[in-house]
Amino acid sequence: MALRPCSRRGRARGVLIHSRALSNVPHPELIIFGLSSGVARQILSIAAVAPRRTSTRLLDAMDASQTVWNGGALVEAMGRWPSFHDANVLETSREAGTFAVKIHLFSMTSQIDSAGYYVLEKHHLVTLVMQDVQSNSLPSDYTDDCLAGLTFSRTGDLIQVDFESHMEQGGSVVCRKVEITDVVPCTSVGVALAPN
């Protein structure tokens, strides 16, 4: 580990930390401006004994459909595992270690309608239940969102569900189990259709 003063425009402003020995530090060179070398040494001594992070793996469509309980029902309804792009969050509920979300999901085709919009098909209401929730960074009143995407990643035995929002309401839920409890055909405005 090497510490040396570094400068910005000729004035000493901080400390350049260089260490290839610290494998849990993401960049071997790190400039910390506004810190003395003593403080920088303290930071590095803490980083040197910090536990290594367990690797996180973003799940592709195949893995997501197999990781999410009853994921096959969604694949069967949609024809593939969806990206959840432009899907609408209609309602949520939080109860004793669970977080449930109802989403209006659809597929976009390459066809254009008479008004110039892409034709949407396979409209479904999907209920996802996250169980044994460890953390939830979504707003407490989270609902009425338009998703940019919904992604799943796994770290050890935990699953992280990232709600990527078009409306700046996004966040993540970390839990032990994700289950699809309902996949119901619906109208283009998200009203459930009566069963045949």
Protein backbone atom coordinates (compact mmCIF):
# COMPACT_ATOMS: atom_id res chain seq x y z
CA MET A 1 0.00 0.00 0.00
CA ALA A 2 1.36 3.39 -0.94
CA LEU A 3 0.06 6.79 0.11
CA ARG A 4 1.27 9.97 -1.49
CA PRO A 5 -0.03 13.51 -1.71
CA CYS A 6 -1.64 14.42 -5.00
CA SER A 7 -2.70 17.75 -6.37
CA ARG A 8 -5.26 19.50 -8.47
CA ARG A 9 -3.92 22.42 -10.46
CA GLY A 10 -0.65 22.37 -8.57
CA ARG A 11 -2.09 22.46 -5.03
CA ALA A 12 -2.02 19.50 -2.69
CA ARG A 13 -5.66 18.49 -2.24
CA GLY A 14 -5.71 14.90 -1.10
CA VAL A 15 -4.09 11.54 -0.94
CA LEU A 16 -3.53 9.01 -3.71
CA ILE A 17 -4.03 5.53 -2.35
CA HIS A 18 -2.44 2.73 -4.35
CA SER A 19 -2.74 -0.87 -3.30
CA ARG A 20 -3.05 -4.00 -5.36
CA ALA A 21 -3.02 -6.05 -2.16
CA LEU A 22 -6.54 -4.99 -1.20
CA SER A 23 -8.60 -7.22 -3.43
CA ASN A 24 -11.91 -6.02 -2.01
CA VAL A 25 -11.20 -2.42 -3.04
CA PRO A 26 -12.74 -2.07 -6.52
CA HIS A 27 -10.01 0.18 -7.95
CA PRO A 28 -6.38 -0.25 -6.95
CA GLU A 29 -5.84 3.51 -7.23
CA LEU A 30 -8.19 5.81 -5.43
CA ILE A 31 -7.87 9.54 -4.93
CA ILE A 32 -9.53 10.89 -1.82
CA PHE A 33 -9.63 14.66 -1.87
CA GLY A 34 -9.84 16.63 1.33
CA LEU A 35 -8.41 13.87 3.56
CA SER A 36 -5.11 13.74 5.33
CA SER A 37 -2.88 10.73 4.83
CA GLY A 38 -3.62 9.64 8.43
CA VAL A 39 -7.36 9.50 7.77
CA ALA A 40 -6.74 7.71 4.48
CA ARG A 41 -4.63 5.10 6.35
CA GLN A 42 -7.52 4.54 8.78
CA ILE A 43 -9.96 4.04 5.90
CA LEU A 44 -7.65 1.52 4.25
CA SER A 45 -7.03 -0.39 7.47
CA ILE A 46 -10.80 -0.84 7.79
CA ALA A 47 -11.10 -1.84 4.10
CA ALA A 48 -8.30 -4.38 4.49
CA VAL A 49 -10.20 -6.36 7.11
CA ALA A 50 -13.67 -5.86 5.62
CA PRO A 51 -15.29 -9.12 4.49
CA ARG A 52 -15.32 -9.77 0.78
CA ARG A 53 -18.62 -9.25 -0.90
CA THR A 54 -20.44 -12.31 -2.14
CA SER A 55 -20.72 -12.09 -5.89
CA THR A 56 -24.04 -10.92 -7.26
CA ARG A 57 -25.32 -12.44 -10.48
CA LEU A 58 -27.93 -10.73 -12.66
CA LEU A 59 -30.34 -13.41 -13.79
CA ASP A 60 -31.15 -13.75 -17.48
CA ALA A 61 -34.68 -14.57 -18.65
CA MET A 62 -34.19 -18.34 -18.34
CA ASP A 63 -32.74 -18.11 -14.83
CA ALA A 64 -35.36 -15.57 -13.71
CA SER A 65 -38.23 -17.76 -14.88
CA GLN A 66 -36.75 -20.68 -12.92
CA THR A 67 -35.82 -18.66 -9.82
CA VAL A 68 -39.23 -17.05 -9.47
CA TRP A 69 -41.67 -19.65 -8.14
CA ASN A 70 -44.43 -20.35 -10.67
CA GLY A 71 -42.43 -18.42 -13.29
CA GLY A 72 -43.54 -20.97 -15.87
CA ALA A 73 -47.12 -19.65 -15.64
CA LEU A 74 -45.93 -16.22 -16.76
CA VAL A 75 -43.83 -17.69 -19.58
CA GLU A 76 -46.84 -19.71 -20.72
CA ALA A 77 -49.12 -16.64 -20.72
CA MET A 78 -46.66 -14.27 -22.44
CA GLY A 79 -44.79 -16.73 -24.67
CA ARG A 80 -41.45 -15.80 -23.02
CA TRP A 81 -40.11 -14.19 -19.85
CA PRO A 82 -40.99 -10.47 -20.19
CA SER A 83 -38.75 -7.46 -19.57
CA PHE A 84 -41.57 -5.61 -17.78
CA HIS A 85 -40.72 -2.52 -19.89
CA ASP A 86 -43.58 0.02 -19.65
CA ALA A 87 -45.56 -2.31 -17.35
CA ASN A 88 -47.80 -0.49 -14.89
CA VAL A 89 -47.66 -1.04 -11.13
CA LEU A 90 -51.30 -0.91 -10.05
CA GLU A 91 -51.15 -1.76 -6.35
CA THR A 92 -48.84 -2.97 -3.63
CA SER A 93 -49.16 -4.33 -0.11
CA ARG A 94 -46.71 -4.81 2.74
CA GLU A 95 -47.46 -7.32 5.48
CA ALA A 96 -45.25 -9.08 8.04
CA GLY A 97 -42.13 -9.75 5.98
CA THR A 98 -43.86 -9.85 2.57
CA PHE A 99 -44.22 -7.34 -0.23
CA ALA A 100 -46.79 -7.97 -2.98
CA VAL A 101 -47.17 -6.03 -6.20
CA LYS A 102 -49.84 -6.24 -8.91
CA ILE A 103 -48.55 -5.28 -12.36
CA HIS A 104 -50.37 -4.75 -15.67
CA LEU A 105 -48.07 -6.42 -18.19
CA PHE A 106 -48.26 -6.66 -21.98
CA SER A 107 -46.20 -7.40 -25.09
CA MET A 108 -45.40 -4.80 -27.71
CA THR A 109 -45.59 -5.91 -31.34
CA SER A 110 -43.85 -4.36 -34.34
CA GLN A 111 -47.23 -3.35 -35.81
CA ILE A 112 -48.40 0.28 -35.75
CA ASP A 113 -52.05 1.23 -35.27
CA SER A 114 -53.93 4.02 -37.10
CA ALA A 115 -52.94 6.56 -34.42
CA GLY A 116 -49.23 5.77 -34.88
CA TYR A 117 -48.74 3.71 -31.71
CA TYR A 118 -47.29 0.23 -31.42
CA VAL A 119 -49.96 -2.44 -31.10
CA LEU A 120 -49.92 -4.06 -27.66
CA GLU A 121 -51.07 -7.62 -26.97
CA LYS A 122 -51.13 -10.34 -24.30
CA HIS A 123 -52.38 -8.03 -21.54
CA HIS A 124 -52.17 -9.71 -18.11
CA LEU A 125 -52.39 -8.79 -14.46
CA VAL A 126 -49.47 -10.40 -12.66
CA THR A 127 -49.12 -10.58 -8.89
CA LEU A 128 -45.59 -11.01 -7.55
CA VAL A 129 -45.10 -11.78 -3.86
CA MET A 130 -41.68 -11.29 -2.29
CA GLN A 131 -41.38 -13.32 0.92
CA ASP A 132 -39.02 -13.08 3.89
CA VAL A 133 -38.12 -9.52 2.87
CA GLN A 134 -34.73 -8.42 4.21
CA SER A 135 -34.85 -4.85 2.87
CA ASN A 136 -37.13 -2.68 0.76
CA SER A 137 -35.96 0.69 -0.62
CA LEU A 138 -39.17 1.46 -2.51
CA PRO A 139 -41.15 4.49 -1.27
CA SER A 140 -43.60 3.58 1.52
CA ASP A 141 -46.53 4.71 -0.66
CA TYR A 142 -45.19 3.00 -3.80
CA THR A 143 -47.90 2.46 -6.44
CA ASP A 144 -49.01 3.92 -9.78
CA ASP A 145 -45.61 3.49 -11.38
CA CYS A 146 -44.58 2.85 -14.98
CA LEU A 147 -41.61 0.49 -15.03
CA ALA A 148 -38.58 0.82 -17.27
CA GLY A 149 -37.80 -2.75 -16.27
CA LEU A 150 -37.92 -5.33 -13.50
CA THR A 151 -34.73 -7.29 -12.97
CA PHE A 152 -33.77 -10.13 -10.67
CA SER A 153 -30.32 -10.90 -9.28
CA ARG A 154 -29.09 -13.46 -6.80
CA THR A 155 -26.51 -13.06 -4.03
CA GLY A 156 -26.11 -16.28 -2.09
CA ASP A 157 -29.58 -17.35 -0.98
CA LEU A 158 -31.05 -13.85 -1.40
CA ILE A 159 -32.88 -12.50 -4.43
CA GLN A 160 -32.83 -8.80 -5.26
CA VAL A 161 -35.73 -7.44 -7.30
CA ASP A 162 -34.93 -4.06 -8.89
CA PHE A 163 -37.89 -1.88 -9.84
CA GLU A 164 -36.52 0.46 -12.50
CA SER A 165 -38.98 3.35 -12.78
CA HIS A 166 -39.79 5.80 -15.57
CA MET A 167 -41.25 8.03 -12.85
CA GLU A 168 -38.25 8.19 -10.48
CA GLN A 169 -39.91 6.00 -7.86
CA GLY A 170 -37.67 2.98 -8.27
CA GLY A 171 -35.95 0.90 -5.65
CA SER A 172 -35.06 -2.65 -4.69
CA VAL A 173 -36.52 -5.42 -2.59
CA VAL A 174 -34.16 -8.05 -1.18
CA CYS A 175 -35.89 -11.26 -0.12
CA ARG A 176 -35.49 -15.03 0.11
CA LYS A 177 -38.33 -16.03 -2.21
CA VAL A 178 -40.26 -14.48 -5.11
CA GLU A 179 -43.48 -16.12 -6.24
CA ILE A 180 -45.99 -15.36 -8.97
CA THR A 181 -49.34 -16.01 -7.31
CA ASP A 182 -51.60 -14.82 -10.12
CA VAL A 183 -51.49 -14.39 -13.92
CA VAL A 184 -54.88 -13.18 -15.14
CA PRO A 185 -55.79 -12.00 -18.67
CA CYS A 186 -57.02 -8.40 -18.69
CA THR A 187 -58.15 -5.56 -20.94
CA SER A 188 -55.78 -2.98 -22.38
CA VAL A 189 -56.49 -0.74 -19.37
CA GLY A 190 -55.77 -3.44 -16.80
CA VAL A 191 -59.25 -4.67 -15.92
CA ALA A 192 -59.36 -8.43 -15.29
CA LEU A 193 -61.34 -10.46 -17.82
CA ALA A 194 -63.91 -12.94 -16.58
CA PRO A 195 -62.78 -16.57 -16.96
CA ASN A 196 -64.29 -18.44 -19.94
